[in-house]
C-alpha atoms as a PDB file:
ATOM      1  CA  MET A   1     -40.082 -13.906 -51.877  1.00  0.00           C
ATOM      2  CA  THR A   2     -43.537 -15.468 -50.901  1.00  0.00           C
ATOM      3  CA  ARG A   3     -42.462 -17.169 -47.796  1.00  0.00           C
ATOM      4  CA  GLY A   4     -40.527 -13.696 -46.994  1.00  0.00           C
ATOM      5  CA  PHE A   5     -44.538 -12.443 -47.069  1.00  0.00           C
ATOM      6  CA  LYS A   6     -45.320 -15.140 -44.496  1.00  0.00           C
ATOM      7  CA  ASN A   7     -43.508 -13.912 -41.598  1.00  0.00           C
ATOM      8  CA  GLY A   8     -45.311 -10.809 -41.643  1.00  0.00           C
ATOM      9  CA  ILE A   9     -48.502 -12.502 -40.872  1.00  0.00           C
ATOM     10  CA  LEU A  10     -49.432 -11.551 -37.680  1.00  0.00           C
ATOM     11  CA  LYS A  11     -48.870 -14.127 -34.779  1.00  0.00           C
ATOM     12  CA  GLN A  12     -51.084 -14.901 -31.386  1.00  0.00           C
ATOM     13  CA  SER A  13     -48.753 -12.362 -29.654  1.00  0.00           C
ATOM     14  CA  ASP A  14     -49.942  -9.621 -32.389  1.00  0.00           C
ATOM     15  CA  TYR A  15     -53.525 -10.587 -31.699  1.00  0.00           C
ATOM     16  CA  LEU A  16     -53.373 -10.346 -28.307  1.00  0.00           C
ATOM     17  CA  THR A  17     -52.480  -6.775 -28.133  1.00  0.00           C
ATOM     18  CA  LEU A  18     -55.007  -5.702 -30.931  1.00  0.00           C
ATOM     19  CA  THR A  19     -57.549  -7.276 -29.274  1.00  0.00           C
ATOM     20  CA  GLN A  20     -56.713  -5.262 -25.767  1.00  0.00           C
ATOM     21  CA  CYS A  21     -57.120  -1.934 -27.506  1.00  0.00           C
ATOM     22  CA  GLU A  22     -59.884  -0.110 -26.515  1.00  0.00           C
ATOM     23  CA  THR A  23     -60.329   2.533 -29.622  1.00  0.00           C
ATOM     24  CA  LEU A  24     -60.002   2.578 -33.077  1.00  0.00           C
ATOM     25  CA  GLU A  25     -56.909   5.210 -32.724  1.00  0.00           C
ATOM     26  CA  ASP A  26     -55.448   2.762 -30.216  1.00  0.00           C
ATOM     27  CA  LEU A  27     -55.773  -0.016 -32.840  1.00  0.00           C
ATOM     28  CA  GLY A  28     -53.802   2.515 -35.211  1.00  0.00           C
ATOM     29  CA  VAL A  29     -51.102   2.555 -33.150  1.00  0.00           C
ATOM     30  CA  SER A  30     -50.786  -0.683 -32.019  1.00  0.00           C
ATOM     31  CA  ILE A  31     -50.531  -2.218 -35.924  1.00  0.00           C
ATOM     32  CA  GLN A  32     -47.925   0.300 -36.908  1.00  0.00           C
ATOM     33  CA  ASN A  33     -45.877  -2.541 -34.701  1.00  0.00           C
ATOM     34  CA  THR A  34     -46.487  -5.155 -37.434  1.00  0.00           C
ATOM     35  CA  ASP A  35     -46.140  -5.930 -40.702  1.00  0.00           C
ATOM     36  CA  TYR A  36     -48.537  -3.383 -41.972  1.00  0.00           C
ATOM     37  CA  GLY A  37     -46.392  -0.159 -40.424  1.00  0.00           C
ATOM     38  CA  ASN A  38     -48.144   2.916 -40.412  1.00  0.00           C
ATOM     39  CA  LEU A  39     -51.553   1.667 -42.263  1.00  0.00           C
ATOM     40  CA  LEU A  40     -53.119   4.619 -41.434  1.00  0.00           C
ATOM     41  CA  ALA A  41     -50.662   7.654 -42.222  1.00  0.00           C
ATOM     42  CA  ALA A  42     -52.857   8.975 -44.860  1.00  0.00           C
ATOM     43  CA  GLU A  43     -55.902   9.558 -42.626  1.00  0.00           C
ATOM     44  CA  GLN A  44     -56.634  12.964 -41.610  1.00  0.00           C
ATOM     45  CA  GLY A  45     -59.921  12.725 -40.371  1.00  0.00           C
ATOM     46  CA  THR A  46     -62.272   9.984 -38.362  1.00  0.00           C
ATOM     47  CA  ILE A  47     -61.013   6.734 -38.313  1.00  0.00           C
ATOM     48  CA  ASN A  48     -63.418   4.038 -38.485  1.00  0.00           C
ATOM     49  CA  VAL A  49     -63.585   0.271 -39.902  1.00  0.00           C
ATOM     50  CA  GLU A  50     -64.541   1.410 -43.247  1.00  0.00           C
ATOM     51  CA  THR A  51     -60.923   3.089 -42.791  1.00  0.00           C
ATOM     52  CA  PHE A  52     -59.230   0.228 -41.568  1.00  0.00           C
ATOM     53  CA  GLU A  53     -61.273  -1.981 -44.379  1.00  0.00           C
ATOM     54  CA  PHE A  54     -59.986  -0.282 -47.375  1.00  0.00           C
ATOM     55  CA  HIS A  55     -56.131   0.076 -46.360  1.00  0.00           C
ATOM     56  CA  LEU A  56     -56.063  -3.729 -45.256  1.00  0.00           C
ATOM     57  CA  ARG A  57     -57.436  -4.177 -48.759  1.00  0.00           C
ATOM     58  CA  ALA A  58     -55.270  -1.719 -50.237  1.00  0.00           C
ATOM     59  CA  LYS A  59     -51.975  -3.565 -49.077  1.00  0.00           C
ATOM     60  CA  ILE A  60     -53.237  -6.963 -50.743  1.00  0.00           C
ATOM     61  CA  VAL A  61     -53.881  -5.950 -53.691  1.00  0.00           C
ATOM     62  CA  ASP A  62     -50.166  -4.490 -53.654  1.00  0.00           C
ATOM     63  CA  GLN A  63     -48.173  -7.556 -52.500  1.00  0.00           C
ATOM     64  CA  TYR A  64     -50.797  -9.169 -55.263  1.00  0.00           C
ATOM     65  CA  ASN A  65     -49.595  -6.824 -58.352  1.00  0.00           C
ATOM     66  CA  TYR A  66     -45.967  -7.053 -57.018  1.00  0.00           C
ATOM     67  CA  LEU A  67     -46.601 -11.034 -57.345  1.00  0.00           C
ATOM     68  CA  ARG A  68     -48.089 -10.474 -60.969  1.00  0.00           C
ATOM     69  CA  VAL A  69     -45.542  -7.901 -62.092  1.00  0.00           C
ATOM     70  CA  ASN A  70     -42.678 -10.467 -61.443  1.00  0.00           C
ATOM     71  CA  SER A  71     -44.212 -13.478 -62.478  1.00  0.00           C
ATOM     72  CA  THR A  72     -44.106 -15.609 -65.663  1.00  0.00           C
ATOM     73  CA  GLU A  73     -45.953 -18.207 -67.117  1.00  0.00           C
ATOM     74  CA  PRO A  74     -48.225 -20.990 -66.210  1.00  0.00           C
ATOM     75  CA  LEU A  75     -47.336 -18.266 -62.523  1.00  0.00           C
ATOM     76  CA  SER A  76     -48.799 -15.174 -64.199  1.00  0.00           C
ATOM     77  CA  THR A  77     -52.358 -17.321 -65.299  1.00  0.00           C
ATOM     78  CA  PHE A  78     -52.679 -19.222 -61.947  1.00  0.00           C
ATOM     79  CA  LEU A  79     -52.472 -15.907 -60.413  1.00  0.00           C
ATOM     80  CA  ASP A  80     -54.977 -14.472 -62.404  1.00  0.00           C
ATOM     81  CA  TYR A  81     -57.365 -17.639 -61.316  1.00  0.00           C
ATOM     82  CA  ILE A  82     -57.056 -16.003 -57.803  1.00  0.00           C
ATOM     83  CA  ARG A  83     -58.661 -12.854 -58.831  1.00  0.00           C
ATOM     84  CA  TYR A  84     -61.159 -14.567 -60.674  1.00  0.00           C
ATOM     85  CA  GLU A  85     -62.804 -15.386 -57.344  1.00  0.00           C
ATOM     86  CA  HIS A  86     -63.457 -11.957 -56.231  1.00  0.00           C
ATOM     87  CA  MET A  87     -64.895 -11.197 -59.700  1.00  0.00           C
ATOM     88  CA  ILE A  88     -67.604 -13.669 -59.874  1.00  0.00           C
ATOM     89  CA  ASP A  89     -68.224 -11.623 -56.116  1.00  0.00           C
ATOM     90  CA  ASN A  90     -68.166  -8.477 -57.128  1.00  0.00           C
ATOM     91  CA  VAL A  91     -70.280  -9.202 -59.700  1.00  0.00           C
ATOM     92  CA  ALA A  92     -72.855 -10.943 -57.829  1.00  0.00           C
ATOM     93  CA  LEU A  93     -73.121  -7.941 -54.966  1.00  0.00           C
ATOM     94  CA  LEU A  94     -73.722  -5.293 -58.084  1.00  0.00           C
ATOM     95  CA  VAL A  95     -76.363  -7.665 -59.613  1.00  0.00           C
ATOM     96  CA  SER A  96     -78.604  -7.787 -56.279  1.00  0.00           C
ATOM     97  CA  GLY A  97     -77.705  -4.241 -55.930  1.00  0.00           C
ATOM     98  CA  LEU A  98     -78.767  -2.804 -58.754  1.00  0.00           C
ATOM     99  CA  ASN A  99     -82.134  -5.267 -58.761  1.00  0.00           C
ATOM    100  CA  ASN A 100     -82.740  -3.408 -55.318  1.00  0.00           C
ATOM    101  CA  LYS A 101     -82.216  -0.615 -56.889  1.00  0.00           C
ATOM    102  CA  LYS A 102     -79.248   0.913 -55.004  1.00  0.00           C
ATOM    103  CA  PRO A 103     -76.608   3.736 -57.056  1.00  0.00           C
ATOM    104  CA  ILE A 104     -73.607   1.905 -58.799  1.00  0.00           C
ATOM    105  CA  LYS A 105     -71.041   4.233 -56.753  1.00  0.00           C
ATOM    106  CA  LYS A 106     -72.069   3.278 -53.232  1.00  0.00           C
ATOM    107  CA  LEU A 107     -71.761  -0.668 -54.434  1.00  0.00           C
ATOM    108  CA  LEU A 108     -68.434  -0.701 -56.283  1.00  0.00           C
ATOM    109  CA  ALA A 109     -66.803   1.064 -52.823  1.00  0.00           C
ATOM    110  CA  LEU A 110     -68.173  -2.265 -51.880  1.00  0.00           C
ATOM    111  CA  CYS A 111     -66.231  -4.166 -54.452  1.00  0.00           C
ATOM    112  CA  HIS A 112     -63.450  -5.885 -53.833  1.00  0.00           C
ATOM    113  CA  PRO A 113     -60.825  -4.157 -55.550  1.00  0.00           C
ATOM    114  CA  LEU A 114     -58.955  -7.891 -56.021  1.00  0.00           C
ATOM    115  CA  GLY A 115     -62.210  -8.627 -58.122  1.00  0.00           C
ATOM    116  CA  TYR A 116     -61.751  -5.173 -60.449  1.00  0.00           C
ATOM    117  CA  PHE A 117     -61.833  -5.361 -64.163  1.00  0.00           C
ATOM    118  CA  ASP A 118     -62.854  -2.752 -66.386  1.00  0.00           C
ATOM    119  CA  GLN A 119     -66.187  -3.976 -67.761  1.00  0.00           C
ATOM    120  CA  LEU A 120     -67.518  -4.184 -64.313  1.00  0.00           C
ATOM    121  CA  GLU A 121     -68.898  -0.611 -64.183  1.00  0.00           C
ATOM    122  CA  ALA A 122     -70.288  -0.576 -67.374  1.00  0.00           C
ATOM    123  CA  ILE A 123     -73.341  -2.710 -65.503  1.00  0.00           C
ATOM    124  CA  GLU A 124     -75.032   0.398 -64.841  1.00  0.00           C
ATOM    125  CA  VAL A 125     -75.042   1.646 -68.419  1.00  0.00           C
ATOM    126  CA  ALA A 126     -77.284  -1.951 -69.370  1.00  0.00           C
ATOM    127  CA  SER A 127     -80.307  -0.809 -71.087  1.00  0.00           C
ATOM    128  CA  ASN A 128     -82.167  -4.276 -71.445  1.00  0.00           C
ATOM    129  CA  THR A 129     -81.615  -7.746 -70.795  1.00  0.00           C
ATOM    130  CA  ASN A 130     -79.220  -8.685 -73.344  1.00  0.00           C
ATOM    131  CA  GLU A 131     -77.220  -5.440 -72.912  1.00  0.00           C
ATOM    132  CA  LEU A 132     -76.588  -6.801 -68.624  1.00  0.00           C
ATOM    133  CA  PHE A 133     -75.639 -10.138 -70.019  1.00  0.00           C
ATOM    134  CA  ASP A 134     -73.269  -8.676 -72.045  1.00  0.00           C
ATOM    135  CA  ALA A 135     -71.712  -7.079 -69.453  1.00  0.00           C
ATOM    136  CA  VAL A 136     -71.739  -8.463 -66.213  1.00  0.00           C
ATOM    137  CA  LEU A 137     -70.932 -12.263 -68.484  1.00  0.00           C
ATOM    138  CA  ILE A 138     -69.934 -12.048 -71.886  1.00  0.00           C
ATOM    139  CA  ASP A 139     -67.453  -9.384 -72.688  1.00  0.00           C
ATOM    140  CA  THR A 140     -65.521 -10.317 -68.908  1.00  0.00           C
ATOM    141  CA  PRO A 141     -63.209 -12.179 -67.933  1.00  0.00           C
ATOM    142  CA  LEU A 142     -65.899 -14.491 -66.259  1.00  0.00           C
ATOM    143  CA  SER A 143     -66.813 -15.652 -69.619  1.00  0.00           C
ATOM    144  CA  LYS A 144     -65.431 -18.733 -69.803  1.00  0.00           C
ATOM    145  CA  PHE A 145     -67.133 -19.819 -66.412  1.00  0.00           C
ATOM    146  CA  ILE A 146     -70.647 -19.649 -68.555  1.00  0.00           C
ATOM    147  CA  SER A 147     -72.258 -22.488 -70.146  1.00  0.00           C
ATOM    148  CA  SER A 148     -73.360 -22.543 -73.834  1.00  0.00           C
ATOM    149  CA  SER A 149     -76.490 -23.274 -72.172  1.00  0.00           C
ATOM    150  CA  PHE A 150     -76.664 -20.486 -70.158  1.00  0.00           C
ATOM    151  CA  GLU A 151     -78.735 -17.869 -72.320  1.00  0.00           C
ATOM    152  CA  PRO A 152     -79.444 -13.532 -71.168  1.00  0.00           C
ATOM    153  CA  LYS A 153     -83.530 -14.990 -70.016  1.00  0.00           C
ATOM    154  CA  ASP A 154     -81.918 -17.773 -67.663  1.00  0.00           C
ATOM    155  CA  PHE A 155     -79.895 -14.115 -66.064  1.00  0.00           C
ATOM    156  CA  VAL A 156     -83.079 -12.526 -65.061  1.00  0.00           C
ATOM    157  CA  LYS A 157     -84.821 -15.509 -63.497  1.00  0.00           C
ATOM    158  CA  ILE A 158     -82.272 -16.566 -61.819  1.00  0.00           C
ATOM    159  CA  ASP A 159     -81.347 -16.238 -57.342  1.00  0.00           C
ATOM    160  CA  VAL A 160     -78.130 -13.883 -57.571  1.00  0.00           C
ATOM    161  CA  GLU A 161     -77.036 -16.738 -55.124  1.00  0.00           C
ATOM    162  CA  ILE A 162     -77.735 -19.749 -57.579  1.00  0.00           C
ATOM    163  CA  LEU A 163     -75.684 -17.201 -60.154  1.00  0.00           C
ATOM    164  CA  ARG A 164     -72.997 -16.968 -57.901  1.00  0.00           C
ATOM    165  CA  SER A 165     -72.679 -20.735 -57.847  1.00  0.00           C
ATOM    166  CA  VAL A 166     -72.864 -21.744 -61.024  1.00  0.00           C
ATOM    167  CA  LEU A 167     -70.464 -19.565 -61.750  1.00  0.00           C
ATOM    168  CA  TYR A 168     -68.066 -20.576 -58.664  1.00  0.00           C
ATOM    169  CA  LYS A 169     -68.784 -24.404 -59.783  1.00  0.00           C
ATOM    170  CA  SER A 170     -67.327 -23.525 -63.135  1.00  0.00           C
ATOM    171  CA  TYR A 171     -64.704 -21.932 -61.734  1.00  0.00           C
ATOM    172  CA  LEU A 172     -63.351 -23.773 -59.175  1.00  0.00           C
ATOM    173  CA  GLU A 173     -63.437 -26.969 -61.633  1.00  0.00           C
ATOM    174  CA  ASP A 174     -61.550 -24.679 -64.070  1.00  0.00           C
ATOM    175  CA  PHE A 175     -59.089 -24.021 -61.634  1.00  0.00           C
ATOM    176  CA  TYR A 176     -58.633 -27.352 -60.537  1.00  0.00           C
ATOM    177  CA  LYS A 177     -57.823 -28.622 -63.819  1.00  0.00           C
ATOM    178  CA  LEU A 178     -55.309 -25.880 -64.797  1.00  0.00           C
ATOM    179  CA  CYS A 179     -53.488 -26.862 -61.718  1.00  0.00           C
ATOM    180  CA  LYS A 180     -53.632 -30.738 -62.515  1.00  0.00           C
ATOM    181  CA  ASN A 181     -51.656 -29.896 -65.540  1.00  0.00           C
ATOM    182  CA  LEU A 182     -48.498 -28.320 -63.125  1.00  0.00           C
ATOM    183  CA  ASP A 183     -45.831 -29.666 -61.757  1.00  0.00           C
ATOM    184  CA  SER A 184     -46.548 -32.710 -59.884  1.00  0.00           C
ATOM    185  CA  THR A 185     -46.230 -30.683 -56.316  1.00  0.00           C
ATOM    186  CA  SER A 186     -47.832 -28.228 -57.055  1.00  0.00           C
ATOM    187  CA  ALA A 187     -51.199 -30.329 -58.395  1.00  0.00           C
ATOM    188  CA  ASP A 188     -50.643 -32.068 -55.478  1.00  0.00           C
ATOM    189  CA  VAL A 189     -51.035 -29.088 -52.968  1.00  0.00           C
ATOM    190  CA  MET A 190     -53.792 -27.107 -55.101  1.00  0.00           C
ATOM    191  CA  GLY A 191     -56.099 -30.584 -55.655  1.00  0.00           C
ATOM    192  CA  ASN A 192     -55.999 -30.494 -52.231  1.00  0.00           C
ATOM    193  CA  LEU A 193     -57.277 -26.478 -51.408  1.00  0.00           C
ATOM    194  CA  LEU A 194     -59.735 -26.413 -54.375  1.00  0.00           C
ATOM    195  CA  GLY A 195     -60.843 -29.629 -53.551  1.00  0.00           C
ATOM    196  CA  PHE A 196     -61.520 -28.651 -49.642  1.00  0.00           C
ATOM    197  CA  GLN A 197     -63.176 -25.615 -51.125  1.00  0.00           C
ATOM    198  CA  ALA A 198     -65.647 -27.723 -53.747  1.00  0.00           C
ATOM    199  CA  ASP A 199     -66.349 -29.785 -50.785  1.00  0.00           C
ATOM    200  CA  ARG A 200     -67.489 -26.389 -48.391  1.00  0.00           C
ATOM    201  CA  ARG A 201     -68.965 -24.576 -51.154  1.00  0.00           C
ATOM    202  CA  THR A 202     -71.483 -28.138 -51.941  1.00  0.00           C
ATOM    203  CA  ILE A 203     -72.184 -28.893 -48.067  1.00  0.00           C
ATOM    204  CA  THR A 204     -72.584 -25.385 -47.315  1.00  0.00           C
ATOM    205  CA  ILE A 205     -75.207 -25.572 -51.251  1.00  0.00           C
ATOM    206  CA  ALA A 206     -77.046 -28.592 -49.052  1.00  0.00           C
ATOM    207  CA  MET A 207     -77.389 -26.955 -45.702  1.00  0.00           C
ATOM    208  CA  ASN A 208     -79.121 -23.507 -47.397  1.00  0.00           C
ATOM    209  CA  SER A 209     -81.076 -25.331 -49.603  1.00  0.00           C
ATOM    210  CA  LEU A 210     -82.748 -26.856 -47.387  1.00  0.00           C
ATOM    211  CA  GLY A 211     -86.437 -26.453 -46.982  1.00  0.00           C
ATOM    212  CA  THR A 212     -86.248 -23.909 -50.359  1.00  0.00           C
ATOM    213  CA  SER A 213     -88.170 -24.374 -53.763  1.00  0.00           C
ATOM    214  CA  LEU A 214     -84.709 -26.744 -55.713  1.00  0.00           C
ATOM    215  CA  ASP A 215     -84.909 -30.008 -56.514  1.00  0.00           C
ATOM    216  CA  PHE A 216     -82.253 -32.206 -56.348  1.00  0.00           C
ATOM    217  CA  GLN A 217     -81.137 -32.222 -60.173  1.00  0.00           C
ATOM    218  CA  GLU A 218     -80.796 -28.141 -59.090  1.00  0.00           C
ATOM    219  CA  ARG A 219     -79.713 -28.772 -56.389  1.00  0.00           C
ATOM    220  CA  SER A 220     -77.275 -31.003 -57.570  1.00  0.00           C
ATOM    221  CA  SER A 221     -75.977 -28.836 -61.021  1.00  0.00           C
ATOM    222  CA  LEU A 222     -74.815 -26.402 -58.072  1.00  0.00           C
ATOM    223  CA  PHE A 223     -72.049 -28.843 -56.830  1.00  0.00           C
ATOM    224  CA  PRO A 224     -68.348 -28.062 -57.763  1.00  0.00           C
ATOM    225  CA  THR A 225     -67.423 -31.766 -58.858  1.00  0.00           C
ATOM    226  CA  CYS A 226     -63.662 -31.515 -57.787  1.00  0.00           C
ATOM    227  CA  GLY A 227     -63.553 -32.464 -54.225  1.00  0.00           C
ATOM    228  CA  LYS A 228     -63.196 -35.585 -52.173  1.00  0.00           C
ATOM    229  CA  LEU A 229     -67.306 -36.082 -51.979  1.00  0.00           C
ATOM    230  CA  GLY A 230     -68.061 -38.682 -54.481  1.00  0.00           C
ATOM    231  CA  PRO A 231     -70.305 -38.893 -57.540  1.00  0.00           C
ATOM    232  CA  ILE A 232     -72.431 -41.290 -54.582  1.00  0.00           C
ATOM    233  CA  ALA A 233     -72.018 -38.539 -51.693  1.00  0.00           C
ATOM    234  CA  LEU A 234     -72.670 -35.421 -54.101  1.00  0.00           C
ATOM    235  CA  SER A 235     -76.322 -37.485 -55.096  1.00  0.00           C
ATOM    236  CA  ALA A 236     -77.023 -38.041 -51.731  1.00  0.00           C
ATOM    237  CA  LEU A 237     -76.349 -34.543 -50.937  1.00  0.00           C
ATOM    238  CA  ALA A 238     -78.787 -33.629 -53.258  1.00  0.00           C
ATOM    239  CA  HIS A 239     -81.636 -35.521 -52.058  1.00  0.00           C
ATOM    240  CA  SER A 240     -81.003 -34.775 -48.724  1.00  0.00           C
ATOM    241  CA  ILE A 241     -83.854 -33.400 -46.752  1.00  0.00           C
ATOM    242  CA  ASP A 242     -82.456 -32.033 -43.022  1.00  0.00           C
ATOM    243  CA  TYR A 243     -79.760 -31.426 -41.395  1.00  0.00           C
ATOM    244  CA  ASP A 244     -78.934 -34.449 -40.151  1.00  0.00           C
ATOM    245  CA  GLN A 245     -79.079 -35.872 -43.384  1.00  0.00           C
ATOM    246  CA  VAL A 246     -76.324 -33.380 -44.298  1.00  0.00           C
ATOM    247  CA  ARG A 247     -74.348 -34.405 -41.379  1.00  0.00           C
ATOM    248  CA  SER A 248     -74.577 -37.675 -42.004  1.00  0.00           C
ATOM    249  CA  ILE A 249     -73.649 -37.677 -45.582  1.00  0.00           C
ATOM    250  CA  SER A 250     -70.841 -35.055 -44.891  1.00  0.00           C
ATOM    251  CA  SER A 251     -69.432 -36.996 -41.814  1.00  0.00           C
ATOM    252  CA  LYS A 252     -68.310 -39.884 -43.698  1.00  0.00           C
ATOM    253  CA  THR A 253     -65.318 -37.924 -44.895  1.00  0.00           C
ATOM    254  CA  PHE A 254     -63.174 -37.223 -41.620  1.00  0.00           C
ATOM    255  CA  GLU A 255     -62.475 -34.057 -41.463  1.00  0.00           C
ATOM    256  CA  TYR A 256     -65.745 -33.218 -42.285  1.00  0.00           C
ATOM    257  CA  GLY A 257     -67.036 -35.093 -39.457  1.00  0.00           C
ATOM    258  CA  VAL A 258     -64.859 -33.548 -37.043  1.00  0.00           C
ATOM    259  CA  VAL A 259     -66.108 -30.017 -38.400  1.00  0.00           C
ATOM    260  CA  PHE A 260     -69.308 -31.443 -37.257  1.00  0.00           C
ATOM    261  CA  GLU A 261     -69.340 -33.140 -34.401  1.00  0.00           C
ATOM    262  CA  ALA A 262     -67.223 -29.798 -32.825  1.00  0.00           C
ATOM    263  CA  ILE A 263     -70.368 -27.847 -33.948  1.00  0.00           C
ATOM    264  CA  ASP A 264     -72.500 -30.355 -31.744  1.00  0.00           C
ATOM    265  CA  LYS A 265     -70.461 -29.981 -28.721  1.00  0.00           C
ATOM    266  CA  ASP A 266     -70.934 -25.912 -29.584  1.00  0.00           C
ATOM    267  CA  THR A 267     -74.406 -25.747 -26.784  1.00  0.00           C
ATOM    268  CA  ASP A 268     -73.728 -21.490 -26.861  1.00  0.00           C
ATOM    269  CA  ASN A 269     -73.654 -21.862 -30.838  1.00  0.00           C
ATOM    270  CA  LEU A 270     -71.139 -19.156 -30.570  1.00  0.00           C
ATOM    271  CA  ILE A 271     -69.160 -20.565 -33.856  1.00  0.00           C
ATOM    272  CA  THR A 272     -70.954 -21.170 -36.919  1.00  0.00           C
ATOM    273  CA  LEU A 273     -70.476 -23.774 -39.427  1.00  0.00           C
ATOM    274  CA  GLU A 274     -68.449 -21.133 -41.599  1.00  0.00           C
ATOM    275  CA  ASP A 275     -66.398 -20.433 -39.024  1.00  0.00           C
ATOM    276  CA  ARG A 276     -65.531 -24.266 -38.640  1.00  0.00           C
ATOM    277  CA  PHE A 277     -64.609 -24.176 -42.439  1.00  0.00           C
ATOM    278  CA  LEU A 278     -62.930 -21.105 -41.967  1.00  0.00           C
ATOM    279  CA  MET A 279     -60.535 -22.301 -39.176  1.00  0.00           C
ATOM    280  CA  LEU A 280     -59.902 -25.980 -41.343  1.00  0.00           C
ATOM    281  CA  GLU A 281     -59.020 -23.810 -44.227  1.00  0.00           C
ATOM    282  CA  ALA A 282     -56.818 -21.844 -42.246  1.00  0.00           C
ATOM    283  CA  LYS A 283     -55.046 -24.944 -40.929  1.00  0.00           C
ATOM    284  CA  LYS A 284     -54.763 -26.634 -44.631  1.00  0.00           C
ATOM    285  CA  LEU A 285     -53.297 -23.116 -46.115  1.00  0.00           C
ATOM    286  CA  VAL A 286     -50.386 -22.852 -43.516  1.00  0.00           C
ATOM    287  CA  GLN A 287     -49.705 -26.798 -43.750  1.00  0.00           C
ATOM    288  CA  SER A 288     -49.321 -26.114 -48.038  1.00  0.00           C
ATOM    289  CA  TYR A 289     -46.065 -24.297 -46.826  1.00  0.00           C
ATOM    290  CA  LEU A 290     -44.435 -27.487 -45.517  1.00  0.00           C
ATOM    291  CA  GLN A 291     -43.707 -28.117 -49.119  1.00  0.00           C
ATOM    292  CA  GLN A 292     -41.038 -27.068 -51.687  1.00  0.00           C
ATOM    293  CA  PHE A 293     -40.841 -25.125 -54.839  1.00  0.00           C
ATOM    294  CA  HIS A 294     -44.744 -25.563 -55.399  1.00  0.00           C
ATOM    295  CA  PHE A 295     -47.601 -22.714 -56.639  1.00  0.00           C
ATOM    296  CA  GLY A 296     -50.239 -23.033 -53.718  1.00  0.00           C
ATOM    297  CA  ILE A 297     -47.738 -21.316 -51.711  1.00  0.00           C
ATOM    298  CA  PHE A 298     -49.009 -18.326 -54.038  1.00  0.00           C
ATOM    299  CA  TYR A 299     -52.617 -18.864 -53.247  1.00  0.00           C
ATOM    300  CA  SER A 300     -52.293 -19.744 -49.274  1.00  0.00           C
ATOM    301  CA  TYR A 301     -50.654 -16.334 -48.480  1.00  0.00           C
ATOM    302  CA  LEU A 302     -53.217 -14.033 -50.306  1.00  0.00           C
ATOM    303  CA  LYS A 303     -55.973 -16.384 -48.643  1.00  0.00           C
ATOM    304  CA  LEU A 304     -54.003 -15.986 -45.408  1.00  0.00           C
ATOM    305  CA  LYS A 305     -53.338 -12.215 -45.883  1.00  0.00           C
ATOM    306  CA  GLU A 306     -57.486 -12.285 -46.280  1.00  0.00           C
ATOM    307  CA  LEU A 307     -58.076 -14.157 -43.687  1.00  0.00           C
ATOM    308  CA  GLU A 308     -55.864 -11.763 -41.406  1.00  0.00           C
ATOM    309  CA  CYS A 309     -57.978  -8.967 -42.724  1.00  0.00           C
ATOM    310  CA  ARG A 310     -61.093 -10.552 -41.880  1.00  0.00           C
ATOM    311  CA  ASN A 311     -59.826 -11.030 -38.288  1.00  0.00           C
ATOM    312  CA  ILE A 312     -58.263  -7.258 -38.021  1.00  0.00           C
ATOM    313  CA  ILE A 313     -61.885  -6.052 -39.140  1.00  0.00           C
ATOM    314  CA  TRP A 314     -63.523  -8.310 -36.931  1.00  0.00           C
ATOM    315  CA  ILE A 315     -61.595  -6.845 -34.318  1.00  0.00           C
ATOM    316  CA  ALA A 316     -62.472  -3.031 -35.247  1.00  0.00           C
ATOM    317  CA  GLU A 317     -66.453  -3.697 -35.266  1.00  0.00           C
ATOM    318  CA  CYS A 318     -66.159  -4.845 -31.889  1.00  0.00           C
ATOM    319  CA  ILE A 319     -64.259  -2.389 -30.602  1.00  0.00           C
ATOM    320  CA  SER A 320     -66.642   0.346 -32.411  1.00  0.00           C
ATOM    321  CA  GLN A 321     -69.248  -0.806 -31.076  1.00  0.00           C
ATOM    322  CA  ARG A 322     -68.445  -2.193 -27.660  1.00  0.00           C
ATOM    323  CA  GLN A 323     -68.724  -5.674 -27.637  1.00  0.00           C
ATOM    324  CA  MET A 324     -65.769  -6.429 -26.239  1.00  0.00           C
ATOM    325  CA  ASP A 325     -66.883 -10.014 -25.010  1.00  0.00           C
ATOM    326  CA  LYS A 326     -66.714 -11.055 -28.552  1.00  0.00           C
ATOM    327  CA  VAL A 327     -63.451  -9.477 -30.199  1.00  0.00           C
ATOM    328  CA  ASN A 328     -61.462 -12.637 -29.450  1.00  0.00           C
ATOM    329  CA  ALA A 329     -63.652 -14.813 -31.532  1.00  0.00           C
ATOM    330  CA  TYR A 330     -61.889 -14.015 -34.757  1.00  0.00           C
ATOM    331  CA  ILE A 331     -60.460 -17.191 -36.760  1.00  0.00           C
ATOM    332  CA  PRO A 332     -56.847 -18.447 -35.401  1.00  0.00           C
ATOM    333  CA  ILE A 333     -54.399 -19.152 -38.484  1.00  0.00           C
ATOM    334  CA  PRO A 334     -51.514 -21.577 -36.779  1.00  0.00           C
ATOM    335  CA  MET A 335     -48.934 -20.260 -38.189  1.00  0.00           C
ATOM    336  CA  TYR A 336     -45.392 -23.191 -37.557  1.00  0.00           C
END
């Protein structure tokens, strides 16, 4: 079923058509010729970028729910883990927004629908530190990713991005452990995909923490340990003090060396490190379809659809802002 869904992923010819649109209305018409069909059929008012984003995300949620309803264990638990990533992002978004005195309704509208859960709106009614801690973490599906040493007072003091990194580290390591107990093919495919996610977060944290007050122990505590970067590399990254050191340590793993080499060759700085990692991720996700009978295709399909959604929104933003010279700077998905 999921392999059939994969046939609906946009091809290069589809992107060529979308990038030639001059208005958002044209984009809405052009997308009707793809698997999305009449995506904006229910829209009566003015079409904007947020309109596209809402309906694209709704499409992903519908397909996820279809897979989840028709699944049995251990696939059901596996699919739940895919949602946890978005729950973490939503919690970080809400906590950050509320700390900046932004209204909860506007923040909830920005949350990814795959990451909705019943206790999400309870954040607004929390009146003190303990209630906020309980509402966000203890009474939610994310409680399993919180260390017993993490206390409510730490929750208020901690930077939101550090909170996100703490949750992601536990999430990735727990998901990795779950996948290693599946069949051998699923364990191999997901081990590769989650290992890449772990390494990407490690390298990104190492880069973003340069010049900050974080010491090497604090940085090291945020690095997931389930990637290709071993203990020696993780320790070296935690002690790194500049970009060249991060680049040198990461490049000892061949595929990450290729990423940094491509960045060095890009003298115009048109493509960021994050974009390079997304390109590598897209390649890995598509390659997972080359193996048969494993859970990795569910993970890969949903990730590819999210990347496709990101690409369409990018194109819509370029059209809306009349930045047509940048419209082709989306992340290519190398479909086989």
